[in-house]
Amino acid sequence: MSTISTEELITKAIEAREGSYSPYSHFCVGAALEATDGTVYTGCNIENMGFAPTICAERTACAKAVSEGHHEFTRIAVVGGAKGPLTSFCSPCGMCREFLCEFCERDFEIILAKSPTEYKSYTLDELYPLTEKPVFDTDDPFGGAFGGK
């Protein structure tokens, strides 16, 4: 159930972008993720000089939401680009798309924006086709490797 407009969601992503910690790439990203109950979680990218520990804005927002008990989402707005005004659309990377697949349905909406009024909308299925959550047919899919049966 959306409680805010698309424009408001994008504005929250733009505001989140201001918190970006990107001293290496100077590429600032913000995201605003809406849970099915209307709660919105924001995130920014947080770089690390080792690169691999860097966390994207989309995963930051999702991790915040999951840590607060939310596991179902309806849409996310993503904005990003070099420091300064937004001039192009920024799409979630492959790792973020995979991360979103863990919690989102195929029709989950991904909004790429340059401004609150200039945006494009896609489904997760459009941006990350042919990916499904794994289906395990036992209570212990890892054969006891992690302390299961």
N, C-alpha and C. Protein backbone atom coordinates (compact mmCIF):
# COMPACT_ATOMS: atom_id res chain seq x y z
N MET A 1 0.84 -1.18 0.00
CA MET A 1 0.00 0.00 0.00
C MET A 1 0.89 1.24 0.00
N SER A 2 0.92 1.97 -1.10
CA SER A 2 1.72 3.18 -1.19
C SER A 2 1.08 4.29 -0.38
N THR A 3 1.91 4.92 0.41
CA THR A 3 1.43 6.04 1.22
C THR A 3 1.96 7.37 0.72
N ILE A 4 2.94 7.31 -0.19
CA ILE A 4 3.48 8.54 -0.76
C ILE A 4 3.51 8.43 -2.28
N SER A 5 3.57 9.55 -2.92
CA SER A 5 3.60 9.57 -4.38
C SER A 5 4.98 9.15 -4.89
N THR A 6 5.04 8.85 -6.15
CA THR A 6 6.32 8.52 -6.78
C THR A 6 7.27 9.69 -6.66
N GLU A 7 6.79 10.89 -6.85
CA GLU A 7 7.62 12.09 -6.75
C GLU A 7 8.22 12.24 -5.35
N GLU A 8 7.41 11.93 -4.32
CA GLU A 8 7.92 12.00 -2.94
C GLU A 8 8.96 10.93 -2.66
N LEU A 9 8.75 9.74 -3.22
CA LEU A 9 9.71 8.66 -3.05
C LEU A 9 11.05 9.04 -3.69
N ILE A 10 10.98 9.61 -4.88
CA ILE A 10 12.20 10.06 -5.57
C ILE A 10 12.89 11.15 -4.77
N THR A 11 12.13 12.07 -4.22
CA THR A 11 12.71 13.14 -3.40
C THR A 11 13.47 12.56 -2.22
N LYS A 12 12.92 11.51 -1.60
CA LYS A 12 13.61 10.86 -0.49
C LYS A 12 14.92 10.23 -0.96
N ALA A 13 14.94 9.66 -2.15
CA ALA A 13 16.17 9.08 -2.70
C ALA A 13 17.21 10.18 -2.96
N ILE A 14 16.75 11.30 -3.48
CA ILE A 14 17.65 12.43 -3.73
C ILE A 14 18.24 12.93 -2.42
N GLU A 15 17.43 13.02 -1.40
CA GLU A 15 17.91 13.45 -0.08
C GLU A 15 18.91 12.44 0.48
N ALA A 16 18.65 11.15 0.30
CA ALA A 16 19.56 10.11 0.79
C ALA A 16 20.91 10.19 0.09
N ARG A 17 20.90 10.58 -1.15
CA ARG A 17 22.13 10.71 -1.93
C ARG A 17 23.11 11.69 -1.28
N GLU A 18 22.58 12.66 -0.57
CA GLU A 18 23.43 13.66 0.10
C GLU A 18 24.34 13.01 1.14
N GLY A 19 23.95 11.86 1.67
CA GLY A 19 24.76 11.17 2.67
C GLY A 19 25.83 10.27 2.09
N SER A 20 25.91 10.19 0.77
CA SER A 20 26.86 9.29 0.11
C SER A 20 28.28 9.50 0.62
N TYR A 21 28.94 8.39 0.91
CA TYR A 21 30.35 8.41 1.25
C TYR A 21 31.08 7.79 0.07
N SER A 22 31.55 8.65 -0.84
CA SER A 22 32.14 8.17 -2.09
C SER A 22 33.43 8.94 -2.41
N PRO A 23 34.44 8.85 -1.51
CA PRO A 23 35.67 9.61 -1.72
C PRO A 23 36.55 9.10 -2.86
N TYR A 24 36.27 7.91 -3.37
CA TYR A 24 37.11 7.31 -4.41
C TYR A 24 36.52 7.51 -5.80
N SER A 25 35.25 7.19 -5.95
CA SER A 25 34.62 7.32 -7.28
C SER A 25 33.96 8.67 -7.48
N HIS A 26 33.60 9.32 -6.40
CA HIS A 26 32.82 10.58 -6.45
C HIS A 26 31.49 10.38 -7.17
N PHE A 27 31.00 9.13 -7.16
CA PHE A 27 29.72 8.77 -7.76
C PHE A 27 28.75 8.57 -6.60
N CYS A 28 27.80 9.47 -6.47
CA CYS A 28 26.89 9.50 -5.31
C CYS A 28 25.54 8.90 -5.69
N VAL A 29 25.10 7.93 -4.89
CA VAL A 29 23.84 7.25 -5.17
C VAL A 29 22.95 7.29 -3.93
N GLY A 30 21.66 7.48 -4.17
CA GLY A 30 20.67 7.44 -3.11
C GLY A 30 19.52 6.54 -3.53
N ALA A 31 18.89 5.90 -2.54
CA ALA A 31 17.76 5.02 -2.82
C ALA A 31 16.70 5.19 -1.73
N ALA A 32 15.46 5.02 -2.13
CA ALA A 32 14.33 5.03 -1.19
C ALA A 32 13.48 3.80 -1.50
N LEU A 33 13.38 2.91 -0.52
CA LEU A 33 12.71 1.62 -0.66
C LEU A 33 11.42 1.65 0.13
N GLU A 34 10.31 1.28 -0.53
CA GLU A 34 9.01 1.27 0.13
C GLU A 34 8.59 -0.15 0.48
N ALA A 35 8.32 -0.38 1.76
CA ALA A 35 7.81 -1.67 2.23
C ALA A 35 6.33 -1.76 1.91
N THR A 36 5.80 -2.97 1.95
CA THR A 36 4.39 -3.17 1.60
C THR A 36 3.44 -2.42 2.54
N ASP A 37 3.88 -2.10 3.75
CA ASP A 37 3.02 -1.35 4.67
C ASP A 37 3.16 0.16 4.51
N GLY A 38 3.96 0.61 3.53
CA GLY A 38 4.13 2.03 3.27
C GLY A 38 5.34 2.66 3.93
N THR A 39 6.02 1.94 4.82
CA THR A 39 7.23 2.47 5.45
C THR A 39 8.31 2.63 4.39
N VAL A 40 9.04 3.75 4.45
CA VAL A 40 10.10 4.01 3.48
C VAL A 40 11.46 4.00 4.19
N TYR A 41 12.39 3.28 3.62
CA TYR A 41 13.76 3.21 4.11
C TYR A 41 14.67 3.79 3.05
N THR A 42 15.60 4.62 3.48
CA THR A 42 16.53 5.23 2.53
C THR A 42 17.93 4.69 2.75
N GLY A 43 18.74 4.85 1.73
CA GLY A 43 20.14 4.44 1.82
C GLY A 43 20.98 5.18 0.82
N CYS A 44 22.27 5.23 1.10
CA CYS A 44 23.23 5.82 0.18
C CYS A 44 24.37 4.84 -0.01
N ASN A 45 25.18 5.07 -1.03
CA ASN A 45 26.34 4.21 -1.22
C ASN A 45 27.43 4.59 -0.23
N ILE A 46 28.14 3.57 0.24
CA ILE A 46 29.21 3.76 1.21
C ILE A 46 30.42 3.01 0.67
N GLU A 47 31.40 3.77 0.19
CA GLU A 47 32.58 3.16 -0.42
C GLU A 47 33.62 2.75 0.61
N ASN A 48 34.50 1.87 0.17
CA ASN A 48 35.63 1.44 0.96
C ASN A 48 36.81 1.33 0.01
N MET A 49 37.99 1.70 0.49
CA MET A 49 39.15 1.68 -0.40
C MET A 49 39.45 0.28 -0.94
N GLY A 50 38.96 -0.76 -0.29
CA GLY A 50 39.13 -2.12 -0.78
C GLY A 50 38.13 -2.49 -1.85
N PHE A 51 37.24 -1.63 -2.21
CA PHE A 51 36.16 -1.76 -3.18
C PHE A 51 35.16 -2.87 -2.85
N ALA A 52 35.61 -4.10 -2.64
CA ALA A 52 34.66 -5.19 -2.37
C ALA A 52 33.76 -4.92 -1.17
N PRO A 53 34.25 -4.31 -0.09
CA PRO A 53 33.36 -4.03 1.05
C PRO A 53 32.40 -2.87 0.81
N THR A 54 32.51 -2.19 -0.33
CA THR A 54 31.59 -1.10 -0.65
C THR A 54 30.16 -1.61 -0.66
N ILE A 55 29.23 -0.80 -0.17
CA ILE A 55 27.82 -1.19 -0.19
C ILE A 55 27.04 -0.14 -0.98
N CYS A 56 26.22 -0.61 -1.87
CA CYS A 56 25.42 0.27 -2.72
C CYS A 56 24.23 0.83 -1.94
N ALA A 57 23.67 1.91 -2.45
CA ALA A 57 22.53 2.57 -1.81
C ALA A 57 21.33 1.64 -1.70
N GLU A 58 21.08 0.86 -2.73
CA GLU A 58 19.93 -0.03 -2.74
C GLU A 58 20.04 -1.08 -1.64
N ARG A 59 21.24 -1.67 -1.49
CA ARG A 59 21.45 -2.67 -0.45
C ARG A 59 21.46 -2.04 0.93
N THR A 60 21.94 -0.81 1.05
CA THR A 60 21.89 -0.11 2.33
C THR A 60 20.44 0.06 2.77
N ALA A 61 19.59 0.53 1.88
CA ALA A 61 18.18 0.73 2.21
C ALA A 61 17.51 -0.60 2.57
N CYS A 62 17.80 -1.62 1.80
CA CYS A 62 17.20 -2.93 2.05
C CYS A 62 17.69 -3.52 3.37
N ALA A 63 18.96 -3.39 3.66
CA ALA A 63 19.50 -3.91 4.92
C ALA A 63 18.88 -3.19 6.11
N LYS A 64 18.69 -1.89 5.99
CA LYS A 64 18.03 -1.14 7.06
C LYS A 64 16.62 -1.67 7.27
N ALA A 65 15.90 -1.89 6.19
CA ALA A 65 14.52 -2.36 6.28
C ALA A 65 14.45 -3.75 6.90
N VAL A 66 15.28 -4.65 6.42
CA VAL A 66 15.25 -6.02 6.92
C VAL A 66 15.64 -6.04 8.40
N SER A 67 16.60 -5.22 8.78
CA SER A 67 17.02 -5.18 10.19
C SER A 67 15.91 -4.63 11.10
N GLU A 68 14.95 -3.95 10.50
CA GLU A 68 13.79 -3.43 11.25
C GLU A 68 12.57 -4.35 11.13
N GLY A 69 12.75 -5.52 10.50
CA GLY A 69 11.69 -6.50 10.44
C GLY A 69 10.86 -6.52 9.17
N HIS A 70 11.18 -5.69 8.19
CA HIS A 70 10.44 -5.71 6.93
C HIS A 70 11.11 -6.65 5.94
N HIS A 71 10.30 -7.47 5.27
CA HIS A 71 10.83 -8.41 4.29
C HIS A 71 10.07 -8.39 2.97
N GLU A 72 9.10 -7.50 2.84
CA GLU A 72 8.31 -7.41 1.61
C GLU A 72 8.25 -5.96 1.17
N PHE A 73 8.49 -5.76 -0.14
CA PHE A 73 8.61 -4.40 -0.66
C PHE A 73 7.84 -4.24 -1.96
N THR A 74 7.45 -3.00 -2.24
CA THR A 74 6.67 -2.72 -3.45
C THR A 74 7.46 -1.99 -4.52
N ARG A 75 8.37 -1.09 -4.10
CA ARG A 75 9.11 -0.31 -5.09
C ARG A 75 10.32 0.36 -4.46
N ILE A 76 11.24 0.77 -5.34
CA ILE A 76 12.42 1.50 -4.92
C ILE A 76 12.71 2.59 -5.94
N ALA A 77 13.12 3.75 -5.46
CA ALA A 77 13.58 4.83 -6.33
C ALA A 77 15.09 4.92 -6.18
N VAL A 78 15.79 5.05 -7.30
CA VAL A 78 17.24 5.11 -7.31
C VAL A 78 17.68 6.33 -8.11
N VAL A 79 18.59 7.10 -7.52
CA VAL A 79 19.19 8.25 -8.21
C VAL A 79 20.70 8.18 -8.03
N GLY A 80 21.42 8.65 -9.01
CA GLY A 80 22.87 8.64 -8.84
C GLY A 80 23.61 9.23 -10.00
N GLY A 81 24.85 9.59 -9.70
CA GLY A 81 25.74 10.15 -10.69
C GLY A 81 26.89 10.86 -10.01
N ALA A 82 27.74 11.45 -10.83
CA ALA A 82 28.86 12.21 -10.30
C ALA A 82 28.34 13.30 -9.37
N LYS A 83 29.17 13.70 -8.41
CA LYS A 83 28.77 14.76 -7.48
C LYS A 83 28.23 15.94 -8.28
N GLY A 84 27.20 16.56 -7.75
CA GLY A 84 26.57 17.67 -8.42
C GLY A 84 25.18 17.29 -8.87
N PRO A 85 24.62 18.09 -9.76
CA PRO A 85 23.26 17.84 -10.24
C PRO A 85 23.14 16.48 -10.94
N LEU A 86 21.98 15.87 -10.83
CA LEU A 86 21.71 14.61 -11.53
C LEU A 86 21.51 14.89 -13.01
N THR A 87 22.24 14.16 -13.84
CA THR A 87 22.13 14.39 -15.29
C THR A 87 21.79 13.13 -16.07
N SER A 88 21.81 11.97 -15.40
CA SER A 88 21.50 10.73 -16.10
C SER A 88 20.80 9.77 -15.14
N PHE A 89 20.26 8.71 -15.71
CA PHE A 89 19.61 7.68 -14.91
C PHE A 89 20.67 6.72 -14.37
N CYS A 90 20.45 6.21 -13.19
CA CYS A 90 21.36 5.28 -12.54
C CYS A 90 20.59 4.00 -12.22
N SER A 91 21.06 2.90 -12.73
CA SER A 91 20.38 1.62 -12.55
C SER A 91 21.09 0.77 -11.51
N PRO A 92 20.37 -0.04 -10.75
CA PRO A 92 21.02 -0.93 -9.78
C PRO A 92 22.00 -1.88 -10.47
N CYS A 93 23.11 -2.13 -9.79
CA CYS A 93 24.10 -3.07 -10.33
C CYS A 93 23.56 -4.50 -10.22
N GLY A 94 24.25 -5.43 -10.79
CA GLY A 94 23.83 -6.83 -10.75
C GLY A 94 23.72 -7.39 -9.34
N MET A 95 24.66 -7.00 -8.47
CA MET A 95 24.60 -7.49 -7.09
C MET A 95 23.35 -6.97 -6.39
N CYS A 96 23.00 -5.71 -6.64
CA CYS A 96 21.80 -5.15 -6.03
C CYS A 96 20.54 -5.82 -6.58
N ARG A 97 20.53 -6.10 -7.87
CA ARG A 97 19.38 -6.78 -8.47
C ARG A 97 19.20 -8.16 -7.84
N GLU A 98 20.30 -8.87 -7.65
CA GLU A 98 20.25 -10.18 -7.02
C GLU A 98 19.76 -10.06 -5.57
N PHE A 99 20.25 -9.05 -4.86
CA PHE A 99 19.85 -8.82 -3.47
C PHE A 99 18.35 -8.54 -3.40
N LEU A 100 17.84 -7.72 -4.31
CA LEU A 100 16.41 -7.41 -4.32
C LEU A 100 15.57 -8.65 -4.63
N CYS A 101 16.10 -9.55 -5.45
CA CYS A 101 15.38 -10.80 -5.77
C CYS A 101 15.09 -11.62 -4.52
N GLU A 102 15.92 -11.48 -3.51
CA GLU A 102 15.73 -12.24 -2.28
C GLU A 102 14.43 -11.85 -1.58
N PHE A 103 14.03 -10.58 -1.71
CA PHE A 103 12.90 -10.06 -0.95
C PHE A 103 11.72 -9.59 -1.80
N CYS A 104 11.93 -9.44 -3.08
CA CYS A 104 10.90 -8.80 -3.93
C CYS A 104 10.33 -9.75 -4.96
N GLU A 105 9.09 -9.48 -5.30
CA GLU A 105 8.42 -10.25 -6.35
C GLU A 105 8.88 -9.75 -7.72
N ARG A 106 8.56 -10.52 -8.74
CA ARG A 106 9.00 -10.18 -10.11
C ARG A 106 8.43 -8.85 -10.59
N ASP A 107 7.25 -8.44 -10.07
CA ASP A 107 6.64 -7.18 -10.49
C ASP A 107 7.06 -5.99 -9.62
N PHE A 108 8.02 -6.18 -8.73
CA PHE A 108 8.57 -5.11 -7.91
C PHE A 108 9.01 -3.96 -8.82
N GLU A 109 8.63 -2.74 -8.47
CA GLU A 109 8.90 -1.58 -9.31
C GLU A 109 10.23 -0.93 -8.96
N ILE A 110 11.05 -0.69 -9.98
CA ILE A 110 12.33 0.00 -9.83
C ILE A 110 12.24 1.30 -10.63
N ILE A 111 12.33 2.41 -9.90
CA ILE A 111 12.19 3.74 -10.51
C ILE A 111 13.58 4.37 -10.61
N LEU A 112 14.00 4.66 -11.82
CA LEU A 112 15.27 5.34 -12.06
C LEU A 112 14.95 6.80 -12.36
N ALA A 113 15.56 7.71 -11.62
CA ALA A 113 15.16 9.11 -11.73
C ALA A 113 16.33 10.06 -11.88
N LYS A 114 16.05 11.17 -12.57
CA LYS A 114 16.95 12.32 -12.64
C LYS A 114 16.42 13.44 -11.75
N SER A 115 15.11 13.42 -11.54
CA SER A 115 14.43 14.43 -10.72
C SER A 115 13.09 13.84 -10.31
N PRO A 116 12.38 14.52 -9.41
CA PRO A 116 11.06 14.00 -9.02
C PRO A 116 10.05 13.89 -10.17
N THR A 117 10.29 14.61 -11.25
CA THR A 117 9.35 14.55 -12.38
C THR A 117 9.93 13.90 -13.63
N GLU A 118 11.20 13.58 -13.61
CA GLU A 118 11.84 12.93 -14.77
C GLU A 118 12.36 11.56 -14.34
N TYR A 119 11.62 10.52 -14.70
CA TYR A 119 11.98 9.18 -14.26
C TYR A 119 11.46 8.13 -15.23
N LYS A 120 12.03 6.93 -15.08
CA LYS A 120 11.61 5.76 -15.84
C LYS A 120 11.30 4.67 -14.83
N SER A 121 10.34 3.82 -15.16
CA SER A 121 9.93 2.75 -14.25
C SER A 121 10.06 1.40 -14.93
N TYR A 122 10.63 0.45 -14.20
CA TYR A 122 10.81 -0.91 -14.69
C TYR A 122 10.37 -1.89 -13.61
N THR A 123 10.12 -3.13 -14.00
CA THR A 123 9.91 -4.17 -13.01
C THR A 123 11.25 -4.87 -12.78
N LEU A 124 11.35 -5.56 -11.66
CA LEU A 124 12.54 -6.35 -11.39
C LEU A 124 12.75 -7.38 -12.49
N ASP A 125 11.67 -7.96 -12.97
CA ASP A 125 11.75 -8.95 -14.05
C ASP A 125 12.35 -8.35 -15.32
N GLU A 126 12.04 -7.08 -15.61
CA GLU A 126 12.60 -6.44 -16.80
C GLU A 126 14.10 -6.19 -16.66
N LEU A 127 14.53 -5.81 -15.46
CA LEU A 127 15.95 -5.50 -15.26
C LEU A 127 16.79 -6.72 -14.90
N TYR A 128 16.14 -7.80 -14.44
CA TYR A 128 16.87 -8.99 -14.03
C TYR A 128 16.05 -10.23 -14.40
N PRO A 129 15.93 -10.49 -15.71
CA PRO A 129 15.07 -11.60 -16.16
C PRO A 129 15.68 -12.98 -15.88
N LEU A 130 14.82 -13.96 -15.90
CA LEU A 130 15.20 -15.37 -15.80
C LEU A 130 15.89 -15.73 -14.49
N THR A 131 15.60 -14.99 -13.43
CA THR A 131 16.16 -15.30 -12.13
C THR A 131 15.03 -15.63 -11.18
N GLU A 132 15.19 -16.72 -10.48
CA GLU A 132 14.18 -17.15 -9.52
C GLU A 132 14.85 -17.45 -8.19
N LYS A 133 14.07 -17.36 -7.14
CA LYS A 133 14.56 -17.75 -5.82
C LYS A 133 14.76 -19.26 -5.84
N PRO A 134 15.81 -19.74 -5.17
CA PRO A 134 16.00 -21.20 -5.14
C PRO A 134 14.86 -21.88 -4.39
N VAL A 135 14.53 -23.06 -4.81
CA VAL A 135 13.48 -23.84 -4.16
C VAL A 135 14.13 -25.10 -3.60
N PHE A 136 14.04 -25.25 -2.29
CA PHE A 136 14.60 -26.43 -1.64
C PHE A 136 13.45 -27.34 -1.24
N ASP A 137 13.63 -28.62 -1.42
CA ASP A 137 12.56 -29.56 -1.12
C ASP A 137 12.75 -30.28 0.21
N THR A 138 13.65 -29.79 1.05
CA THR A 138 13.85 -30.39 2.37
C THR A 138 13.93 -29.28 3.42
N ASP A 139 13.83 -29.66 4.67
CA ASP A 139 13.99 -28.70 5.76
C ASP A 139 15.44 -28.31 5.96
N ASP A 140 16.37 -29.11 5.44
CA ASP A 140 17.80 -28.86 5.60
C ASP A 140 18.49 -29.00 4.25
N PRO A 141 18.40 -27.96 3.39
CA PRO A 141 18.92 -28.05 2.04
C PRO A 141 20.43 -28.20 1.97
N PHE A 142 21.16 -27.96 3.08
CA PHE A 142 22.61 -28.02 3.04
C PHE A 142 23.16 -29.27 3.72
N GLY A 143 22.29 -30.26 3.96
CA GLY A 143 22.73 -31.54 4.49
C GLY A 143 23.47 -31.47 5.81
N GLY A 144 23.06 -30.60 6.70
CA GLY A 144 23.67 -30.50 8.01
C GLY A 144 24.92 -29.66 8.09
N ALA A 145 25.37 -29.12 6.97
CA ALA A 145 26.61 -28.36 6.93
C ALA A 145 26.59 -27.13 7.84
N PHE A 146 25.43 -26.59 8.11
CA PHE A 146 25.32 -25.39 8.93
C PHE A 146 24.55 -25.65 10.21
N GLY A 147 24.69 -26.84 10.75
CA GLY A 147 24.04 -27.17 12.02
C GLY A 147 22.61 -27.67 11.91
N GLY A 148 22.16 -27.93 10.70
CA GLY A 148 20.79 -28.43 10.52
C GLY A 148 20.70 -29.90 10.86
N LYS A 149 19.62 -30.52 10.42
CA LYS A 149 19.40 -31.96 10.72
C LYS A 149 20.50 -32.83 10.17
